[in-house]
Amino acid sequence: MRQERDALVVAVTGPLDLDNIAPLEEILRKADEDGVARVVVDLSTATFADSTTVNVLLQVHSALGPALRLAAPSVVLMRLFALTGLDTVLPLYDSVAKALDAEPAAPLGADGGDHDG
């Protein structure tokens, strides 16, 4: 976890599932409580996600709204998001830099974006 510009950047590694999603959920809920302007979740090294992860991301997205940005989802996560239709709901960006630079209304899923994978 690091502060970059006006955003909290949270790097996630390995699998995201029932056994280990709690720390990420806690960080994201705390960011909401603290009124953080932008929260970027770097998913580039996440290797797996289950339905618990999907539910947490949807709940946090509901709370944070455009402040939440999911960056660089791995191929595995992008497949999950596409299969479930979440790629049209969650604010996905193909890199942390693009998530930091983008206006809140320009997520990958909403406008077709320029995701490479």
C-alpha atoms as a PDB file:
ATOM      1  CA  MET A   1       0.000   0.000   0.000  1.00  0.00           C
ATOM      2  CA  ARG A   2       1.363   3.395  -0.950  1.00  0.00           C
ATOM      3  CA  GLN A   3       0.252   6.962  -1.488  1.00  0.00           C
ATOM      4  CA  GLU A   4       0.737   8.195  -5.049  1.00  0.00           C
ATOM      5  CA  ARG A   5      -0.430  11.646  -6.059  1.00  0.00           C
ATOM      6  CA  ASP A   6      -3.871  11.970  -4.449  1.00  0.00           C
ATOM      7  CA  ALA A   7      -4.553   8.228  -4.511  1.00  0.00           C
ATOM      8  CA  LEU A   8      -4.099   5.255  -2.269  1.00  0.00           C
ATOM      9  CA  VAL A   9      -2.548   2.457  -4.374  1.00  0.00           C
ATOM     10  CA  VAL A  10      -3.053  -1.071  -3.066  1.00  0.00           C
ATOM     11  CA  ALA A  11      -1.087  -3.857  -4.768  1.00  0.00           C
ATOM     12  CA  VAL A  12      -2.658  -7.302  -4.552  1.00  0.00           C
ATOM     13  CA  THR A  13      -0.664 -10.477  -5.106  1.00  0.00           C
ATOM     14  CA  GLY A  14      -1.599 -14.126  -5.375  1.00  0.00           C
ATOM     15  CA  PRO A  15      -5.111 -15.519  -5.015  1.00  0.00           C
ATOM     16  CA  LEU A  16      -8.074 -13.504  -3.789  1.00  0.00           C
ATOM     17  CA  ASP A  17     -10.561 -15.794  -2.133  1.00  0.00           C
ATOM     18  CA  LEU A  18     -12.564 -16.413   1.005  1.00  0.00           C
ATOM     19  CA  ASP A  19      -9.403 -17.211   2.969  1.00  0.00           C
ATOM     20  CA  ASN A  20      -7.514 -14.000   2.198  1.00  0.00           C
ATOM     21  CA  ILE A  21      -9.828 -11.240   0.930  1.00  0.00           C
ATOM     22  CA  ALA A  22     -10.420  -9.738   4.395  1.00  0.00           C
ATOM     23  CA  PRO A  23      -7.280  -7.519   4.490  1.00  0.00           C
ATOM     24  CA  LEU A  24      -8.100  -5.959   1.118  1.00  0.00           C
ATOM     25  CA  GLU A  25     -11.722  -5.452   2.128  1.00  0.00           C
ATOM     26  CA  GLU A  26     -10.605  -3.779   5.357  1.00  0.00           C
ATOM     27  CA  ILE A  27      -8.244  -1.407   3.522  1.00  0.00           C
ATOM     28  CA  LEU A  28     -10.930  -0.454   1.001  1.00  0.00           C
ATOM     29  CA  ARG A  29     -13.608   0.100   3.646  1.00  0.00           C
ATOM     30  CA  LYS A  30     -11.197   2.230   5.696  1.00  0.00           C
ATOM     31  CA  ALA A  31     -10.440   4.295   2.581  1.00  0.00           C
ATOM     32  CA  ASP A  32     -14.169   4.872   2.188  1.00  0.00           C
ATOM     33  CA  GLU A  33     -14.523   5.906   5.839  1.00  0.00           C
ATOM     34  CA  ASP A  34     -11.541   8.248   5.504  1.00  0.00           C
ATOM     35  CA  GLY A  35     -12.915   9.836   2.327  1.00  0.00           C
ATOM     36  CA  VAL A  36      -9.884   8.986   0.195  1.00  0.00           C
ATOM     37  CA  ALA A  37     -10.184  10.774  -3.162  1.00  0.00           C
ATOM     38  CA  ARG A  38      -9.035   7.798  -5.249  1.00  0.00           C
ATOM     39  CA  VAL A  39      -8.231   4.182  -4.483  1.00  0.00           C
ATOM     40  CA  VAL A  40      -6.368   2.196  -7.121  1.00  0.00           C
ATOM     41  CA  VAL A  41      -6.225  -1.561  -6.656  1.00  0.00           C
ATOM     42  CA  ASP A  42      -3.323  -2.990  -8.668  1.00  0.00           C
ATOM     43  CA  LEU A  43      -4.448  -6.464  -9.761  1.00  0.00           C
ATOM     44  CA  SER A  44      -1.540  -7.197 -12.099  1.00  0.00           C
ATOM     45  CA  THR A  45      -0.181 -10.027  -9.963  1.00  0.00           C
ATOM     46  CA  ALA A  46      -3.480 -11.420  -8.676  1.00  0.00           C
ATOM     47  CA  THR A  47      -3.621 -15.049  -9.754  1.00  0.00           C
ATOM     48  CA  PHE A  48      -7.184 -16.018  -8.860  1.00  0.00           C
ATOM     49  CA  ALA A  49     -10.448 -14.565  -7.622  1.00  0.00           C
ATOM     50  CA  ASP A  50     -13.606 -16.247  -6.405  1.00  0.00           C
ATOM     51  CA  SER A  51     -17.189 -15.142  -5.826  1.00  0.00           C
ATOM     52  CA  THR A  52     -16.253 -13.711  -2.430  1.00  0.00           C
ATOM     53  CA  THR A  53     -13.846 -11.351  -4.170  1.00  0.00           C
ATOM     54  CA  VAL A  54     -16.484 -10.375  -6.723  1.00  0.00           C
ATOM     55  CA  ASN A  55     -18.937  -9.576  -3.918  1.00  0.00           C
ATOM     56  CA  VAL A  56     -16.377  -7.522  -1.992  1.00  0.00           C
ATOM     57  CA  LEU A  57     -15.432  -5.543  -5.107  1.00  0.00           C
ATOM     58  CA  LEU A  58     -19.073  -4.846  -5.913  1.00  0.00           C
ATOM     59  CA  GLN A  59     -19.842  -3.745  -2.351  1.00  0.00           C
ATOM     60  CA  VAL A  60     -16.792  -1.505  -2.180  1.00  0.00           C
ATOM     61  CA  HIS A  61     -17.554  -0.094  -5.623  1.00  0.00           C
ATOM     62  CA  SER A  62     -21.045   0.707  -4.380  1.00  0.00           C
ATOM     63  CA  ALA A  63     -19.546   2.542  -1.399  1.00  0.00           C
ATOM     64  CA  LEU A  64     -16.618   4.294  -3.098  1.00  0.00           C
ATOM     65  CA  GLY A  65     -18.178   4.922  -6.490  1.00  0.00           C
ATOM     66  CA  PRO A  66     -15.812   6.610  -8.937  1.00  0.00           C
ATOM     67  CA  ALA A  67     -13.084   6.806  -6.289  1.00  0.00           C
ATOM     68  CA  LEU A  68     -12.437   3.079  -6.778  1.00  0.00           C
ATOM     69  CA  ARG A  69     -10.282   2.069  -9.730  1.00  0.00           C
ATOM     70  CA  LEU A  70      -9.140  -1.458 -10.528  1.00  0.00           C
ATOM     71  CA  ALA A  71      -5.874  -1.471 -12.452  1.00  0.00           C
ATOM     72  CA  ALA A  72      -4.039  -3.969 -14.624  1.00  0.00           C
ATOM     73  CA  PRO A  73      -6.213  -7.007 -13.976  1.00  0.00           C
ATOM     74  CA  SER A  74      -4.413 -10.210 -14.821  1.00  0.00           C
ATOM     75  CA  VAL A  75      -5.683 -12.330 -17.705  1.00  0.00           C
ATOM     76  CA  VAL A  76      -7.359 -14.621 -15.182  1.00  0.00           C
ATOM     77  CA  LEU A  77      -9.226 -11.777 -13.514  1.00  0.00           C
ATOM     78  CA  MET A  78     -10.135 -10.156 -16.837  1.00  0.00           C
ATOM     79  CA  ARG A  79     -11.665 -13.469 -17.925  1.00  0.00           C
ATOM     80  CA  LEU A  80     -13.698 -13.623 -14.705  1.00  0.00           C
ATOM     81  CA  PHE A  81     -14.841 -10.020 -15.090  1.00  0.00           C
ATOM     82  CA  ALA A  82     -15.833 -10.615 -18.725  1.00  0.00           C
ATOM     83  CA  LEU A  83     -17.684 -13.873 -18.015  1.00  0.00           C
ATOM     84  CA  THR A  84     -19.678 -12.285 -15.196  1.00  0.00           C
ATOM     85  CA  GLY A  85     -20.280  -8.966 -16.964  1.00  0.00           C
ATOM     86  CA  LEU A  86     -18.359  -7.102 -14.279  1.00  0.00           C
ATOM     87  CA  ASP A  87     -16.114  -5.580 -16.937  1.00  0.00           C
ATOM     88  CA  THR A  88     -19.060  -3.301 -17.725  1.00  0.00           C
ATOM     89  CA  VAL A  89     -19.700  -2.454 -14.058  1.00  0.00           C
ATOM     90  CA  LEU A  90     -16.338  -2.165 -12.326  1.00  0.00           C
ATOM     91  CA  PRO A  91     -13.930   0.689 -13.143  1.00  0.00           C
ATOM     92  CA  LEU A  92     -11.127  -1.225 -14.931  1.00  0.00           C
ATOM     93  CA  TYR A  93      -7.947   0.352 -16.301  1.00  0.00           C
ATOM     94  CA  ASP A  94      -5.094  -1.387 -18.051  1.00  0.00           C
ATOM     95  CA  SER A  95      -2.391   0.138 -15.842  1.00  0.00           C
ATOM     96  CA  VAL A  96      -1.959   1.865 -12.510  1.00  0.00           C
ATOM     97  CA  ALA A  97      -0.746   4.975 -14.331  1.00  0.00           C
ATOM     98  CA  LYS A  98      -3.915   5.134 -16.452  1.00  0.00           C
ATOM     99  CA  ALA A  99      -6.070   4.602 -13.367  1.00  0.00           C
ATOM    100  CA  LEU A 100      -4.307   7.502 -11.671  1.00  0.00           C
ATOM    101  CA  ASP A 101      -4.584   9.759 -14.718  1.00  0.00           C
ATOM    102  CA  ALA A 102      -8.137   9.003 -15.822  1.00  0.00           C
ATOM    103  CA  GLU A 103     -11.141  11.093 -15.051  1.00  0.00           C
ATOM    104  CA  PRO A 104     -13.691   9.236 -12.900  1.00  0.00           C
ATOM    105  CA  ALA A 105     -16.113   8.863 -15.808  1.00  0.00           C
ATOM    106  CA  ALA A 106     -13.654   7.047 -18.101  1.00  0.00           C
ATOM    107  CA  PRO A 107     -13.330   3.462 -16.839  1.00  0.00           C
ATOM    108  CA  LEU A 108     -12.408   0.728 -19.282  1.00  0.00           C
ATOM    109  CA  GLY A 109     -15.665  -1.180 -18.922  1.00  0.00           C
ATOM    110  CA  ALA A 110     -17.903   1.818 -19.531  1.00  0.00           C
ATOM    111  CA  ASP A 111     -16.459   2.988 -22.830  1.00  0.00           C
ATOM    112  CA  GLY A 112     -14.737  -0.047 -24.308  1.00  0.00           C
ATOM    113  CA  GLY A 113     -11.377   1.347 -23.178  1.00  0.00           C
ATOM    114  CA  ASP A 114      -8.033   0.234 -24.438  1.00  0.00           C
ATOM    115  CA  HIS A 115      -7.298  -2.833 -22.332  1.00  0.00           C
ATOM    116  CA  ASP A 116      -4.727  -5.061 -23.982  1.00  0.00           C
ATOM    117  CA  GLY A 117      -6.000  -8.385 -22.718  1.00  0.00           C
END
